[in-house]
Amino acid sequence: MRIRSNQDRNSPLYMISVVSRILEVHPQTLRMYEREGFVSPHRINRQRFYSDDDIEQLDLIIKLIKELGVNKAGVDIILRMRKRMKALQGEMMEMMQFLEDDVREEFERHIQEILSEE
């Protein structure tokens, strides 16, 4: 959908009027989702600016509410669970890296043992 790097995905870029057109919702709907704590756009001189990540989050919220009939409390639970899942996924990836390092180190030790026998 977007072609910005992961580093840029959290950069505020879009004004509320642009986001409301992208997502085809009234700006007041976006303000309501902010009041509910579902999204926190950056503010510059009282103007809201949304990042790509914010837009993806809002798109998910809109789909949950409009297409799946999830109420606001349900959306809150789903968003919190997604956040926890992402954190756990990050921890798992870190652990996998350590495992990979351990396997690599073991392999290097094994190679050194073989070479030292010759």
C-alpha atoms as a PDB file:
ATOM      1  CA  MET A   1       0.000   0.000   0.000  1.00  0.00           C
ATOM      2  CA  ARG A   2       2.771   2.460   0.950  1.00  0.00           C
ATOM      3  CA  ILE A   3       6.342   2.529  -0.294  1.00  0.00           C
ATOM      4  CA  ARG A   4       8.048   4.284   2.604  1.00  0.00           C
ATOM      5  CA  SER A   5      10.690   2.515   4.661  1.00  0.00           C
ATOM      6  CA  ASN A   6       9.859   1.113   8.103  1.00  0.00           C
ATOM      7  CA  GLN A   7      11.804   3.969   9.679  1.00  0.00           C
ATOM      8  CA  ASP A   8       9.590   6.534   7.917  1.00  0.00           C
ATOM      9  CA  ARG A   9       6.298   4.768   8.690  1.00  0.00           C
ATOM     10  CA  ASN A  10       5.919   6.570  12.013  1.00  0.00           C
ATOM     11  CA  SER A  11       6.721  10.028  10.639  1.00  0.00           C
ATOM     12  CA  PRO A  12       3.756  12.408  10.740  1.00  0.00           C
ATOM     13  CA  LEU A  13       2.867  13.291   7.200  1.00  0.00           C
ATOM     14  CA  TYR A  14      -0.867  13.491   6.501  1.00  0.00           C
ATOM     15  CA  MET A  15      -3.341  16.106   7.683  1.00  0.00           C
ATOM     16  CA  ILE A  16      -6.725  14.974   8.993  1.00  0.00           C
ATOM     17  CA  SER A  17      -8.527  16.059   5.811  1.00  0.00           C
ATOM     18  CA  VAL A  18      -6.256  13.858   3.693  1.00  0.00           C
ATOM     19  CA  VAL A  19      -6.647  10.870   6.028  1.00  0.00           C
ATOM     20  CA  SER A  20     -10.422  11.235   6.078  1.00  0.00           C
ATOM     21  CA  ARG A  21     -10.437  11.112   2.256  1.00  0.00           C
ATOM     22  CA  ILE A  22      -8.050   8.143   2.145  1.00  0.00           C
ATOM     23  CA  LEU A  23     -10.160   6.174   4.613  1.00  0.00           C
ATOM     24  CA  GLU A  24     -13.501   7.569   3.388  1.00  0.00           C
ATOM     25  CA  VAL A  25     -14.679   8.677   6.833  1.00  0.00           C
ATOM     26  CA  HIS A  26     -15.643  12.031   8.283  1.00  0.00           C
ATOM     27  CA  PRO A  27     -12.842  13.896  10.109  1.00  0.00           C
ATOM     28  CA  GLN A  28     -15.032  13.821  13.226  1.00  0.00           C
ATOM     29  CA  THR A  29     -14.797  10.018  13.167  1.00  0.00           C
ATOM     30  CA  LEU A  30     -11.012  10.278  13.295  1.00  0.00           C
ATOM     31  CA  ARG A  31     -11.245  12.728  16.191  1.00  0.00           C
ATOM     32  CA  MET A  32     -13.543  10.297  18.021  1.00  0.00           C
ATOM     33  CA  TYR A  33     -11.051   7.435  17.556  1.00  0.00           C
ATOM     34  CA  GLU A  34      -8.365   9.710  18.975  1.00  0.00           C
ATOM     35  CA  ARG A  35     -10.550  10.532  22.003  1.00  0.00           C
ATOM     36  CA  GLU A  36     -11.100   6.791  22.512  1.00  0.00           C
ATOM     37  CA  GLY A  37      -7.311   6.373  22.602  1.00  0.00           C
ATOM     38  CA  PHE A  38      -7.176   4.134  19.522  1.00  0.00           C
ATOM     39  CA  VAL A  39      -4.700   6.399  17.740  1.00  0.00           C
ATOM     40  CA  SER A  40      -2.474   9.301  18.755  1.00  0.00           C
ATOM     41  CA  PRO A  41      -1.614  11.527  15.811  1.00  0.00           C
ATOM     42  CA  HIS A  42       1.260  13.948  16.139  1.00  0.00           C
ATOM     43  CA  ARG A  43       0.306  17.548  16.735  1.00  0.00           C
ATOM     44  CA  ILE A  44       1.992  20.584  15.302  1.00  0.00           C
ATOM     45  CA  ASN A  45       0.395  23.908  16.269  1.00  0.00           C
ATOM     46  CA  ARG A  46      -2.920  22.188  17.146  1.00  0.00           C
ATOM     47  CA  GLN A  47      -3.053  20.434  13.769  1.00  0.00           C
ATOM     48  CA  ARG A  48      -3.155  16.645  13.651  1.00  0.00           C
ATOM     49  CA  PHE A  49      -0.658  14.846  11.456  1.00  0.00           C
ATOM     50  CA  TYR A  50      -0.965  11.121  10.846  1.00  0.00           C
ATOM     51  CA  SER A  51       1.754   8.642   9.919  1.00  0.00           C
ATOM     52  CA  ASP A  52       1.452   5.591   7.679  1.00  0.00           C
ATOM     53  CA  ASP A  53       1.256   3.464  10.829  1.00  0.00           C
ATOM     54  CA  ASP A  54      -1.588   5.640  12.134  1.00  0.00           C
ATOM     55  CA  ILE A  55      -3.466   5.214   8.849  1.00  0.00           C
ATOM     56  CA  GLU A  56      -3.034   1.434   8.937  1.00  0.00           C
ATOM     57  CA  GLN A  57      -4.272   1.372  12.531  1.00  0.00           C
ATOM     58  CA  LEU A  58      -7.278   3.515  11.634  1.00  0.00           C
ATOM     59  CA  ASP A  59      -8.033   1.320   8.624  1.00  0.00           C
ATOM     60  CA  LEU A  60      -8.059  -1.732  10.901  1.00  0.00           C
ATOM     61  CA  ILE A  61     -10.319   0.038  13.407  1.00  0.00           C
ATOM     62  CA  ILE A  62     -12.762   1.056  10.688  1.00  0.00           C
ATOM     63  CA  LYS A  63     -12.889  -2.498   9.308  1.00  0.00           C
ATOM     64  CA  LEU A  64     -13.406  -3.972  12.763  1.00  0.00           C
ATOM     65  CA  ILE A  65     -16.277  -1.604  13.513  1.00  0.00           C
ATOM     66  CA  LYS A  66     -17.985  -1.305  10.133  1.00  0.00           C
ATOM     67  CA  GLU A  67     -17.366  -4.706   8.541  1.00  0.00           C
ATOM     68  CA  LEU A  68     -17.181  -6.990  11.560  1.00  0.00           C
ATOM     69  CA  GLY A  69     -19.493  -5.154  13.958  1.00  0.00           C
ATOM     70  CA  VAL A  70     -16.952  -5.027  16.786  1.00  0.00           C
ATOM     71  CA  ASN A  71     -17.843  -2.499  19.477  1.00  0.00           C
ATOM     72  CA  LYS A  72     -15.378   0.047  20.884  1.00  0.00           C
ATOM     73  CA  ALA A  73     -14.517  -2.101  23.903  1.00  0.00           C
ATOM     74  CA  GLY A  74     -13.767  -4.991  21.558  1.00  0.00           C
ATOM     75  CA  VAL A  75     -11.601  -2.774  19.377  1.00  0.00           C
ATOM     76  CA  ASP A  76      -9.654  -1.681  22.449  1.00  0.00           C
ATOM     77  CA  ILE A  77      -9.046  -5.309  23.462  1.00  0.00           C
ATOM     78  CA  ILE A  78      -8.004  -6.295  19.925  1.00  0.00           C
ATOM     79  CA  LEU A  79      -5.593  -3.366  19.628  1.00  0.00           C
ATOM     80  CA  ARG A  80      -4.004  -4.147  22.996  1.00  0.00           C
ATOM     81  CA  MET A  81      -3.657  -7.815  22.045  1.00  0.00           C
ATOM     82  CA  ARG A  82      -2.052  -6.876  18.704  1.00  0.00           C
ATOM     83  CA  LYS A  83       0.424  -4.637  20.519  1.00  0.00           C
ATOM     84  CA  ARG A  84       1.332  -7.453  22.903  1.00  0.00           C
ATOM     85  CA  MET A  85       1.640  -9.936  20.042  1.00  0.00           C
ATOM     86  CA  LYS A  86       4.011  -7.597  18.179  1.00  0.00           C
ATOM     87  CA  ALA A  87       6.130  -7.196  21.319  1.00  0.00           C
ATOM     88  CA  LEU A  88       6.235 -10.961  21.819  1.00  0.00           C
ATOM     89  CA  GLN A  89       7.106 -11.470  18.173  1.00  0.00           C
ATOM     90  CA  GLY A  90      10.001  -9.048  18.566  1.00  0.00           C
ATOM     91  CA  GLU A  91      11.219 -10.933  21.624  1.00  0.00           C
ATOM     92  CA  MET A  92      10.945 -14.213  19.740  1.00  0.00           C
ATOM     93  CA  MET A  93      12.974 -12.817  16.863  1.00  0.00           C
ATOM     94  CA  GLU A  94      15.648 -11.713  19.333  1.00  0.00           C
ATOM     95  CA  MET A  95      15.709 -15.164  20.872  1.00  0.00           C
ATOM     96  CA  MET A  96      15.960 -16.735  17.418  1.00  0.00           C
ATOM     97  CA  GLN A  97      18.969 -14.519  16.701  1.00  0.00           C
ATOM     98  CA  PHE A  98      20.649 -15.754  19.888  1.00  0.00           C
ATOM     99  CA  LEU A  99      19.886 -19.323  18.901  1.00  0.00           C
ATOM    100  CA  GLU A 100      21.329 -18.713  15.484  1.00  0.00           C
ATOM    101  CA  ASP A 101      24.439 -17.192  17.070  1.00  0.00           C
ATOM    102  CA  ASP A 102      24.792 -20.189  19.396  1.00  0.00           C
ATOM    103  CA  VAL A 103      24.411 -22.639  16.520  1.00  0.00           C
ATOM    104  CA  ARG A 104      26.937 -20.683  14.465  1.00  0.00           C
ATOM    105  CA  GLU A 105      29.413 -20.568  17.363  1.00  0.00           C
ATOM    106  CA  GLU A 106      29.017 -24.298  17.960  1.00  0.00           C
ATOM    107  CA  PHE A 107      29.627 -24.958  14.283  1.00  0.00           C
ATOM    108  CA  GLU A 108      32.748 -22.758  14.336  1.00  0.00           C
ATOM    109  CA  ARG A 109      34.058 -24.623  17.398  1.00  0.00           C
ATOM    110  CA  HIS A 110      33.424 -27.918  15.693  1.00  0.00           C
ATOM    111  CA  ILE A 111      35.272 -26.750  12.580  1.00  0.00           C
ATOM    112  CA  GLN A 112      38.219 -25.583  14.722  1.00  0.00           C
ATOM    113  CA  GLU A 113      38.349 -28.990  16.429  1.00  0.00           C
ATOM    114  CA  ILE A 114      38.425 -30.743  13.075  1.00  0.00           C
ATOM    115  CA  LEU A 115      41.128 -28.440  11.765  1.00  0.00           C
ATOM    116  CA  SER A 116      43.239 -28.818  14.902  1.00  0.00           C
ATOM    117  CA  GLU A 117      43.180 -32.633  14.578  1.00  0.00           C
ATOM    118  CA  GLU A 118      44.932 -32.478  11.215  1.00  0.00           C
END
